[in-house]
Full PDB file with SEQRES, HELIX, SHEET, SSBOND, CRYST1, ORIGX, SCALE, CONECT and MASTER records, all heavy atoms in Angstrom:
SEQRES   1 A   31  GLU ARG LEU PHE GLY SER ASN GLU LYS ILE SER LYS PHE          
SEQRES   2 A   31  THR ASN TRP THR SER GLU TYR SER PHE ASP SER GLY LEU          
SEQRES   3 A   31  GLU GLU THR ILE SER                                          
HELIX    1 AA1 GLU A    8  THR A   14  1                                   7    
HELIX    2 AA2 PHE A   22  ILE A   30  1                                   9    
CRYST1    1.000    1.000    1.000  90.00  90.00  90.00 P 1           1          
ORIGX1      1.000000  0.000000  0.000000        0.00000                         
ORIGX2      0.000000  1.000000  0.000000        0.00000                         
ORIGX3      0.000000  0.000000  1.000000        0.00000                         
SCALE1      1.000000  0.000000  0.000000        0.00000                         
SCALE2      0.000000  1.000000  0.000000        0.00000                         
SCALE3      0.000000  0.000000  1.000000        0.00000                         
ATOM      1  N   GLU A   1       0.875  -1.177   0.010  1.00  0.00           N  
ATOM      2  CA  GLU A   1      -0.067   0.041  -0.037  1.00  0.00           C  
ATOM      3  C   GLU A   1       0.864   1.322  -0.003  1.00  0.00           C  
ATOM      4  O   GLU A   1       0.522   2.278  -0.678  1.00  0.00           O  
ATOM      5  CB  GLU A   1      -0.904   0.042   1.220  1.00  0.00           C  
ATOM      6  CG  GLU A   1      -2.019  -1.147   1.148  1.00  0.00           C  
ATOM      7  CD  GLU A   1      -2.950  -1.095   2.287  1.00  0.00           C  
ATOM      8  OE1 GLU A   1      -3.105  -0.046   2.970  1.00  0.00           O  
ATOM      9  OE2 GLU A   1      -3.483  -2.147   2.540  1.00  0.00           O  
ATOM     10  N   ARG A   2       1.930   1.219   0.714  1.00  0.00           N  
ATOM     11  CA  ARG A   2       2.886   2.304   0.691  1.00  0.00           C  
ATOM     12  C   ARG A   2       4.184   1.931   1.283  1.00  0.00           C  
ATOM     13  O   ARG A   2       4.305   0.892   1.977  1.00  0.00           O  
ATOM     14  CB  ARG A   2       2.257   3.565   1.576  1.00  0.00           C  
ATOM     15  CG  ARG A   2       2.287   3.213   3.014  1.00  0.00           C  
ATOM     16  CD  ARG A   2       1.802   4.504   3.733  1.00  0.00           C  
ATOM     17  NE  ARG A   2       2.426   4.592   5.037  1.00  0.00           N  
ATOM     18  CZ  ARG A   2       1.766   4.934   6.030  1.00  0.00           C  
ATOM     19  NH1 ARG A   2       0.486   5.153   6.023  1.00  0.00           N  
ATOM     20  NH2 ARG A   2       2.341   5.138   7.215  1.00  0.00           N  
ATOM     21  N   LEU A   3       5.330   2.610   0.997  1.00  0.00           N  
ATOM     22  CA  LEU A   3       6.487   2.374   1.613  1.00  0.00           C  
ATOM     23  C   LEU A   3       6.947   3.647   2.292  1.00  0.00           C  
ATOM     24  O   LEU A   3       6.782   4.710   1.811  1.00  0.00           O  
ATOM     25  CB  LEU A   3       7.582   2.210   0.443  1.00  0.00           C  
ATOM     26  CG  LEU A   3       7.323   0.967  -0.523  1.00  0.00           C  
ATOM     27  CD1 LEU A   3       8.245   1.032  -1.719  1.00  0.00           C  
ATOM     28  CD2 LEU A   3       7.420  -0.305   0.197  1.00  0.00           C  
ATOM     29  N   PHE A   4       7.443   3.331   3.542  1.00  0.00           N  
ATOM     30  CA  PHE A   4       7.733   4.490   4.445  1.00  0.00           C  
ATOM     31  C   PHE A   4       9.060   4.232   5.158  1.00  0.00           C  
ATOM     32  O   PHE A   4       9.159   3.253   6.005  1.00  0.00           O  
ATOM     33  CB  PHE A   4       6.663   4.737   5.374  1.00  0.00           C  
ATOM     34  CG  PHE A   4       6.899   5.918   6.363  1.00  0.00           C  
ATOM     35  CD1 PHE A   4       6.791   7.220   5.891  1.00  0.00           C  
ATOM     36  CD2 PHE A   4       7.031   5.645   7.714  1.00  0.00           C  
ATOM     37  CE1 PHE A   4       7.038   8.256   6.805  1.00  0.00           C  
ATOM     38  CE2 PHE A   4       7.210   6.661   8.638  1.00  0.00           C  
ATOM     39  CZ  PHE A   4       7.181   8.030   8.195  1.00  0.00           C  
ATOM     40  N   GLY A   5      10.042   5.084   4.902  1.00  0.00           N  
ATOM     41  CA  GLY A   5      11.328   4.894   5.522  1.00  0.00           C  
ATOM     42  C   GLY A   5      11.438   5.708   6.790  1.00  0.00           C  
ATOM     43  O   GLY A   5      10.724   6.758   6.896  1.00  0.00           O  
ATOM     44  N   SER A   6      12.087   5.322   7.734  1.00  0.00           N  
ATOM     45  CA  SER A   6      12.200   6.069   9.029  1.00  0.00           C  
ATOM     46  C   SER A   6      13.693   6.128   9.305  1.00  0.00           C  
ATOM     47  O   SER A   6      14.444   5.140   9.390  1.00  0.00           O  
ATOM     48  CB  SER A   6      11.361   5.356  10.051  1.00  0.00           C  
ATOM     49  OG  SER A   6      11.680   5.998  11.339  1.00  0.00           O  
ATOM     50  N   ASN A   7      14.090   7.273   9.966  1.00  0.00           N  
ATOM     51  CA  ASN A   7      15.477   7.398  10.479  1.00  0.00           C  
ATOM     52  C   ASN A   7      15.416   7.251  12.032  1.00  0.00           C  
ATOM     53  O   ASN A   7      16.412   7.600  12.700  1.00  0.00           O  
ATOM     54  CB  ASN A   7      16.049   8.673  10.036  1.00  0.00           C  
ATOM     55  CG  ASN A   7      15.410   9.931  10.595  1.00  0.00           C  
ATOM     56  OD1 ASN A   7      14.518   9.856  11.436  1.00  0.00           O  
ATOM     57  ND2 ASN A   7      15.671  11.091   9.936  1.00  0.00           N  
ATOM     58  N   GLU A   8      14.315   6.852  12.627  1.00  0.00           N  
ATOM     59  CA  GLU A   8      14.093   6.774  14.088  1.00  0.00           C  
ATOM     60  C   GLU A   8      15.205   5.947  14.776  1.00  0.00           C  
ATOM     61  O   GLU A   8      15.731   6.298  15.731  1.00  0.00           O  
ATOM     62  CB  GLU A   8      12.743   6.229  14.392  1.00  0.00           C  
ATOM     63  CG  GLU A   8      12.359   6.359  15.849  1.00  0.00           C  
ATOM     64  CD  GLU A   8      10.950   5.847  16.011  1.00  0.00           C  
ATOM     65  OE1 GLU A   8      10.166   5.579  15.181  1.00  0.00           O  
ATOM     66  OE2 GLU A   8      10.567   5.772  17.345  1.00  0.00           O  
ATOM     67  N   LYS A   9      15.361   4.726  14.219  1.00  0.00           N  
ATOM     68  CA  LYS A   9      16.403   3.821  14.887  1.00  0.00           C  
ATOM     69  C   LYS A   9      17.791   4.302  14.811  1.00  0.00           C  
ATOM     70  O   LYS A   9      18.483   4.265  15.822  1.00  0.00           O  
ATOM     71  CB  LYS A   9      16.251   2.417  14.333  1.00  0.00           C  
ATOM     72  CG  LYS A   9      15.066   1.635  14.691  1.00  0.00           C  
ATOM     73  CD  LYS A   9      15.219   0.207  14.153  1.00  0.00           C  
ATOM     74  CE  LYS A   9      14.042  -0.613  14.606  1.00  0.00           C  
ATOM     75  NZ  LYS A   9      13.992  -1.902  14.066  1.00  0.00           N  
ATOM     76  N   ILE A  10      18.281   4.880  13.658  1.00  0.00           N  
ATOM     77  CA  ILE A  10      19.609   5.204  13.550  1.00  0.00           C  
ATOM     78  C   ILE A  10      19.812   6.545  14.353  1.00  0.00           C  
ATOM     79  O   ILE A  10      20.805   6.742  15.135  1.00  0.00           O  
ATOM     80  CB  ILE A  10      20.080   5.597  12.105  1.00  0.00           C  
ATOM     81  CG1 ILE A  10      21.663   5.747  12.055  1.00  0.00           C  
ATOM     82  CG2 ILE A  10      19.360   6.846  11.537  1.00  0.00           C  
ATOM     83  CD1 ILE A  10      22.203   5.434  10.817  1.00  0.00           C  
ATOM     84  N   SER A  11      18.816   7.286  14.529  1.00  0.00           N  
ATOM     85  CA  SER A  11      18.934   8.529  15.491  1.00  0.00           C  
ATOM     86  C   SER A  11      18.936   8.069  16.938  1.00  0.00           C  
ATOM     87  O   SER A  11      19.733   8.650  17.719  1.00  0.00           O  
ATOM     88  CB  SER A  11      17.663   9.418  15.266  1.00  0.00           C  
ATOM     89  OG  SER A  11      17.679  10.002  13.988  1.00  0.00           O  
ATOM     90  N   LYS A  12      18.086   7.044  17.322  1.00  0.00           N  
ATOM     91  CA  LYS A  12      18.051   6.546  18.621  1.00  0.00           C  
ATOM     92  C   LYS A  12      19.351   5.940  19.156  1.00  0.00           C  
ATOM     93  O   LYS A  12      19.916   6.236  20.175  1.00  0.00           O  
ATOM     94  CB  LYS A  12      16.928   5.631  18.826  1.00  0.00           C  
ATOM     95  CG  LYS A  12      16.812   4.948  20.216  1.00  0.00           C  
ATOM     96  CD  LYS A  12      15.642   3.937  20.195  1.00  0.00           C  
ATOM     97  CE  LYS A  12      15.611   3.231  21.633  1.00  0.00           C  
ATOM     98  NZ  LYS A  12      14.479   2.280  21.629  1.00  0.00           N  
ATOM     99  N   PHE A  13      20.044   5.100  18.250  1.00  0.00           N  
ATOM    100  CA  PHE A  13      21.143   4.353  18.644  1.00  0.00           C  
ATOM    101  C   PHE A  13      22.516   5.009  18.344  1.00  0.00           C  
ATOM    102  O   PHE A  13      23.546   4.571  18.857  1.00  0.00           O  
ATOM    103  CB  PHE A  13      21.075   2.903  17.996  1.00  0.00           C  
ATOM    104  CG  PHE A  13      20.006   2.116  18.392  1.00  0.00           C  
ATOM    105  CD1 PHE A  13      18.959   1.698  17.618  1.00  0.00           C  
ATOM    106  CD2 PHE A  13      19.919   1.666  19.738  1.00  0.00           C  
ATOM    107  CE1 PHE A  13      17.923   0.928  18.002  1.00  0.00           C  
ATOM    108  CE2 PHE A  13      18.888   0.852  20.203  1.00  0.00           C  
ATOM    109  CZ  PHE A  13      17.817   0.519  19.309  1.00  0.00           C  
ATOM    110  N   THR A  14      22.477   6.063  17.521  1.00  0.00           N  
ATOM    111  CA  THR A  14      23.805   6.717  17.140  1.00  0.00           C  
ATOM    112  C   THR A  14      23.759   8.261  17.463  1.00  0.00           C  
ATOM    113  O   THR A  14      24.785   8.896  17.298  1.00  0.00           O  
ATOM    114  CB  THR A  14      24.174   6.545  15.733  1.00  0.00           C  
ATOM    115  OG1 THR A  14      23.222   7.183  14.926  1.00  0.00           O  
ATOM    116  CG2 THR A  14      24.151   5.067  15.333  1.00  0.00           C  
ATOM    117  N   ASN A  15      22.704   8.791  17.922  1.00  0.00           N  
ATOM    118  CA  ASN A  15      22.571  10.155  18.066  1.00  0.00           C  
ATOM    119  C   ASN A  15      22.644  10.913  16.815  1.00  0.00           C  
ATOM    120  O   ASN A  15      23.096  12.156  16.871  1.00  0.00           O  
ATOM    121  CB  ASN A  15      23.505  10.654  19.248  1.00  0.00           C  
ATOM    122  CG  ASN A  15      23.222  10.135  20.511  1.00  0.00           C  
ATOM    123  OD1 ASN A  15      22.015  10.031  20.910  1.00  0.00           O  
ATOM    124  ND2 ASN A  15      24.234   9.623  21.336  1.00  0.00           N  
ATOM    125  N   TRP A  16      22.623  10.311  15.620  1.00  0.00           N  
ATOM    126  CA  TRP A  16      22.611  11.021  14.480  1.00  0.00           C  
ATOM    127  C   TRP A  16      21.501  11.854  14.251  1.00  0.00           C  
ATOM    128  O   TRP A  16      20.200  11.568  14.638  1.00  0.00           O  
ATOM    129  CB  TRP A  16      22.538   9.929  13.215  1.00  0.00           C  
ATOM    130  CG  TRP A  16      22.535  10.529  11.868  1.00  0.00           C  
ATOM    131  CD1 TRP A  16      23.510  10.982  11.184  1.00  0.00           C  
ATOM    132  CD2 TRP A  16      21.266  10.816  11.157  1.00  0.00           C  
ATOM    133  NE1 TRP A  16      23.101  11.539   9.956  1.00  0.00           N  
ATOM    134  CE2 TRP A  16      21.764  11.446   9.944  1.00  0.00           C  
ATOM    135  CE3 TRP A  16      19.989  10.647  11.383  1.00  0.00           C  
ATOM    136  CZ2 TRP A  16      20.890  11.755   8.944  1.00  0.00           C  
ATOM    137  CZ3 TRP A  16      19.084  10.923  10.416  1.00  0.00           C  
ATOM    138  CH2 TRP A  16      19.503  11.495   9.195  1.00  0.00           C  
ATOM    139  N   THR A  17      21.613  13.119  13.614  1.00  0.00           N  
ATOM    140  CA  THR A  17      20.615  13.988  13.303  1.00  0.00           C  
ATOM    141  C   THR A  17      20.862  14.488  11.891  1.00  0.00           C  
ATOM    142  O   THR A  17      21.958  14.675  11.449  1.00  0.00           O  
ATOM    143  CB  THR A  17      20.553  15.259  14.258  1.00  0.00           C  
ATOM    144  OG1 THR A  17      21.711  15.844  14.217  1.00  0.00           O  
ATOM    145  CG2 THR A  17      20.101  14.775  15.616  1.00  0.00           C  
ATOM    146  N   SER A  18      19.777  14.725  11.183  1.00  0.00           N  
ATOM    147  CA  SER A  18      19.911  15.226   9.796  1.00  0.00           C  
ATOM    148  C   SER A  18      20.313  16.637   9.816  1.00  0.00           C  
ATOM    149  O   SER A  18      19.945  17.430  10.639  1.00  0.00           O  
ATOM    150  CB  SER A  18      18.534  15.048   9.116  1.00  0.00           C  
ATOM    151  OG  SER A  18      18.446  15.685   7.857  1.00  0.00           O  
ATOM    152  N   GLU A  19      21.224  16.929   8.833  1.00  0.00           N  
ATOM    153  CA  GLU A  19      21.606  18.366   8.702  1.00  0.00           C  
ATOM    154  C   GLU A  19      20.813  19.200   7.780  1.00  0.00           C  
ATOM    155  O   GLU A  19      20.941  20.399   7.663  1.00  0.00           O  
ATOM    156  CB  GLU A  19      23.204  18.423   8.180  1.00  0.00           C  
ATOM    157  CG  GLU A  19      24.090  17.831   9.122  1.00  0.00           C  
ATOM    158  CD  GLU A  19      25.424  17.793   8.575  1.00  0.00           C  
ATOM    159  OE1 GLU A  19      25.818  18.572   7.681  1.00  0.00           O  
ATOM    160  OE2 GLU A  19      26.292  16.986   9.213  1.00  0.00           O  
ATOM    161  N   TYR A  20      19.870  18.471   6.992  1.00  0.00           N  
ATOM    162  CA  TYR A  20      19.160  19.111   6.055  1.00  0.00           C  
ATOM    163  C   TYR A  20      17.680  18.715   6.223  1.00  0.00           C  
ATOM    164  O   TYR A  20      17.304  17.598   6.529  1.00  0.00           O  
ATOM    165  CB  TYR A  20      19.479  18.580   4.718  1.00  0.00           C  
ATOM    166  CG  TYR A  20      20.895  18.961   4.201  1.00  0.00           C  
ATOM    167  CD1 TYR A  20      21.968  18.061   4.483  1.00  0.00           C  
ATOM    168  CD2 TYR A  20      21.146  20.172   3.533  1.00  0.00           C  
ATOM    169  CE1 TYR A  20      23.163  18.397   4.092  1.00  0.00           C  
ATOM    170  CE2 TYR A  20      22.487  20.362   3.256  1.00  0.00           C  
ATOM    171  CZ  TYR A  20      23.521  19.498   3.509  1.00  0.00           C  
ATOM    172  OH  TYR A  20      24.721  19.871   3.119  1.00  0.00           O  
ATOM    173  N   SER A  21      16.684  19.675   5.811  1.00  0.00           N  
ATOM    174  CA  SER A  21      15.417  19.355   5.692  1.00  0.00           C  
ATOM    175  C   SER A  21      15.300  18.803   4.260  1.00  0.00           C  
ATOM    176  O   SER A  21      16.264  18.898   3.443  1.00  0.00           O  
ATOM    177  CB  SER A  21      14.528  20.673   5.732  1.00  0.00           C  
ATOM    178  OG  SER A  21      14.791  21.561   4.633  1.00  0.00           O  
ATOM    179  N   PHE A  22      14.119  18.143   3.874  1.00  0.00           N  
ATOM    180  CA  PHE A  22      13.946  17.728   2.585  1.00  0.00           C  
ATOM    181  C   PHE A  22      14.051  18.874   1.495  1.00  0.00           C  
ATOM    182  O   PHE A  22      14.927  18.650   0.484  1.00  0.00           O  
ATOM    183  CB  PHE A  22      12.564  17.051   2.418  1.00  0.00           C  
ATOM    184  CG  PHE A  22      12.423  16.508   1.066  1.00  0.00           C  
ATOM    185  CD1 PHE A  22      12.771  15.165   0.672  1.00  0.00           C  
ATOM    186  CD2 PHE A  22      11.816  17.281  -0.007  1.00  0.00           C  
ATOM    187  CE1 PHE A  22      12.616  14.704  -0.565  1.00  0.00           C  
ATOM    188  CE2 PHE A  22      11.624  16.746  -1.298  1.00  0.00           C  
ATOM    189  CZ  PHE A  22      12.089  15.484  -1.592  1.00  0.00           C  
ATOM    190  N   ASP A  23      13.549  19.969   1.832  1.00  0.00           N  
ATOM    191  CA  ASP A  23      13.582  21.129   0.949  1.00  0.00           C  
ATOM    192  C   ASP A  23      14.976  21.684   0.760  1.00  0.00           C  
ATOM    193  O   ASP A  23      15.399  21.969  -0.418  1.00  0.00           O  
ATOM    194  CB  ASP A  23      12.607  22.242   1.371  1.00  0.00           C  
ATOM    195  CG  ASP A  23      11.047  21.859   1.243  1.00  0.00           C  
ATOM    196  OD1 ASP A  23      10.787  20.890   0.309  1.00  0.00           O  
ATOM    197  OD2 ASP A  23      10.422  22.242   1.887  1.00  0.00           O  
ATOM    198  N   SER A  24      15.695  21.779   1.873  1.00  0.00           N  
ATOM    199  CA  SER A  24      17.086  22.360   1.617  1.00  0.00           C  
ATOM    200  C   SER A  24      17.938  21.388   0.919  1.00  0.00           C  
ATOM    201  O   SER A  24      18.865  21.737   0.188  1.00  0.00           O  
ATOM    202  CB  SER A  24      17.629  22.782   3.007  1.00  0.00           C  
ATOM    203  OG  SER A  24      17.894  21.742   3.888  1.00  0.00           O  
ATOM    204  N   GLY A  25      17.730  20.035   1.288  1.00  0.00           N  
ATOM    205  CA  GLY A  25      18.552  18.988   0.586  1.00  0.00           C  
ATOM    206  C   GLY A  25      18.232  19.015  -0.973  1.00  0.00           C  
ATOM    207  O   GLY A  25      19.215  18.867  -1.751  1.00  0.00           O  
ATOM    208  N   LEU A  26      17.000  19.215  -1.222  1.00  0.00           N  
ATOM    209  CA  LEU A  26      16.592  19.254  -2.655  1.00  0.00           C  
ATOM    210  C   LEU A  26      17.274  20.494  -3.365  1.00  0.00           C  
ATOM    211  O   LEU A  26      17.780  20.395  -4.478  1.00  0.00           O  
ATOM    212  CB  LEU A  26      15.133  19.179  -2.847  1.00  0.00           C  
ATOM    213  CG  LEU A  26      14.460  19.259  -4.257  1.00  0.00           C  
ATOM    214  CD1 LEU A  26      14.995  18.069  -5.071  1.00  0.00           C  
ATOM    215  CD2 LEU A  26      12.998  19.316  -4.104  1.00  0.00           C  
ATOM    216  N   GLU A  27      17.106  21.564  -2.764  1.00  0.00           N  
ATOM    217  CA  GLU A  27      17.725  22.825  -3.245  1.00  0.00           C  
ATOM    218  C   GLU A  27      19.228  22.712  -3.511  1.00  0.00           C  
ATOM    219  O   GLU A  27      19.662  23.163  -4.552  1.00  0.00           O  
ATOM    220  CB  GLU A  27      17.313  23.930  -2.242  1.00  0.00           C  
ATOM    221  CG  GLU A  27      17.908  25.363  -2.637  1.00  0.00           C  
ATOM    222  CD  GLU A  27      17.494  26.322  -1.704  1.00  0.00           C  
ATOM    223  OE1 GLU A  27      16.316  26.382  -1.149  1.00  0.00           O  
ATOM    224  OE2 GLU A  27      18.479  27.163  -1.327  1.00  0.00           O  
ATOM    225  N   GLU A  28      19.919  22.155  -2.454  1.00  0.00           N  
ATOM    226  CA  GLU A  28      21.355  21.884  -2.717  1.00  0.00           C  
ATOM    227  C   GLU A  28      21.597  20.943  -3.889  1.00  0.00           C  
ATOM    228  O   GLU A  28      22.646  21.035  -4.707  1.00  0.00           O  
ATOM    229  CB  GLU A  28      21.995  21.474  -1.416  1.00  0.00           C  
ATOM    230  CG  GLU A  28      23.516  21.432  -1.533  1.00  0.00           C  
ATOM    231  CD  GLU A  28      24.207  21.376  -0.179  1.00  0.00           C  
ATOM    232  OE1 GLU A  28      23.685  21.899   0.771  1.00  0.00           O  
ATOM    233  OE2 GLU A  28      25.255  20.604  -0.100  1.00  0.00           O  
ATOM    234  N   THR A  29      20.872  19.836  -3.993  1.00  0.00           N  
ATOM    235  CA  THR A  29      21.141  18.909  -5.066  1.00  0.00           C  
ATOM    236  C   THR A  29      20.887  19.544  -6.469  1.00  0.00           C  
ATOM    237  O   THR A  29      21.620  19.420  -7.319  1.00  0.00           O  
ATOM    238  CB  THR A  29      20.150  17.658  -4.911  1.00  0.00           C  
ATOM    239  OG1 THR A  29      20.435  17.110  -3.638  1.00  0.00           O  
ATOM    240  CG2 THR A  29      20.306  16.649  -6.024  1.00  0.00           C  
ATOM    241  N   ILE A  30      19.818  20.279  -6.542  1.00  0.00           N  
ATOM    242  CA  ILE A  30      19.440  20.998  -7.850  1.00  0.00           C  
ATOM    243  C   ILE A  30      20.694  22.037  -8.120  1.00  0.00           C  
ATOM    244  O   ILE A  30      21.145  22.050  -9.346  1.00  0.00           O  
ATOM    245  CB  ILE A  30      18.149  21.718  -7.759  1.00  0.00           C  
ATOM    246  CG1 ILE A  30      16.970  20.642  -7.840  1.00  0.00           C  
ATOM    247  CG2 ILE A  30      17.910  22.696  -8.971  1.00  0.00           C  
ATOM    248  CD1 ILE A  30      15.661  21.204  -7.446  1.00  0.00           C  
ATOM    249  N   SER A  31      21.142  22.748  -7.134  1.00  0.00           N  
ATOM    250  CA  SER A  31      22.144  23.692  -7.381  1.00  0.00           C  
ATOM    251  C   SER A  31      23.439  22.902  -7.793  1.00  0.00           C  
ATOM    252  O   SER A  31      24.105  23.449  -8.642  1.00  0.00           O  
ATOM    253  CB  SER A  31      22.518  24.389  -6.017  1.00  0.00           C  
ATOM    254  OG  SER A  31      23.561  25.231  -6.249  1.00  0.00           O  
TER     255      SER A  31                                                      
MASTER        0    0    0    2    0    0    0    6  254    1    0    3          
END                                                                             
């Protein structure tokens, strides 16, 4: 019905946090 990825586990176990929002990452990729 749908595919949904989550960064919840990597954040929980490694204290990783994203440096980009989807929009800012898309903007940088297009640039």
